[in-house]
Amino acid sequence: MEKIPNLAIKGAKVLFESKFSKHVYDEKTKIFYSDWFEETKEMTENDFKLEMIVWLKTSREIDFKYLFDRCVDFIYPITPEEQIWMAELLNKNWIEAGLIKYAHIVPEEFVSSISVEQTFEEFFNMNLPNQYPIKDFSNIEEAIAWLQS
């Protein structure tokens, strides 16, 4: 599957890059692109939390409305406790920022997987007003088309 660095995102700005992730913003489309790398298999719990904090901080620097989150190579196993922590860290902030849609890109065999659904279960369990939809995709073009529809 194609990675974000290989995508032609004209006018997009790289906001942050580490050995675990790359975050790019396209001001024209208001899409915030996040790409997670295989190196996530080397993450510690502390690394995971720092990456999530940086992800939130980076998102606060832009006026994004759509999130494209490519997790095809995200290998770090997120514990149930970390799922709750991540939801509490990100969800309310992204609702307040006006996030409209969240496209989650995973391998095709994971699109209907319960484990993928569980990743975002805590987001929806918060029952916050203006909750944005989160949809799983295995196809990059379909994900971008959905974000822009």
Foldseek 3Di string as FASTA:
>chain_A
DDFPVPDPQPPKDWQDDDPFKTWIARQVQLEIEIAGALCLVVDDPVNVVVVLVVVLVSVVVGLHQEYEYECQNNDNDQDLVNLLVSLVVPQVSNQVSNHAEYEYAYAPVCQPPVSVVSSCPNNVVVVDPSGHYYHYDNDPVVSVVVRND
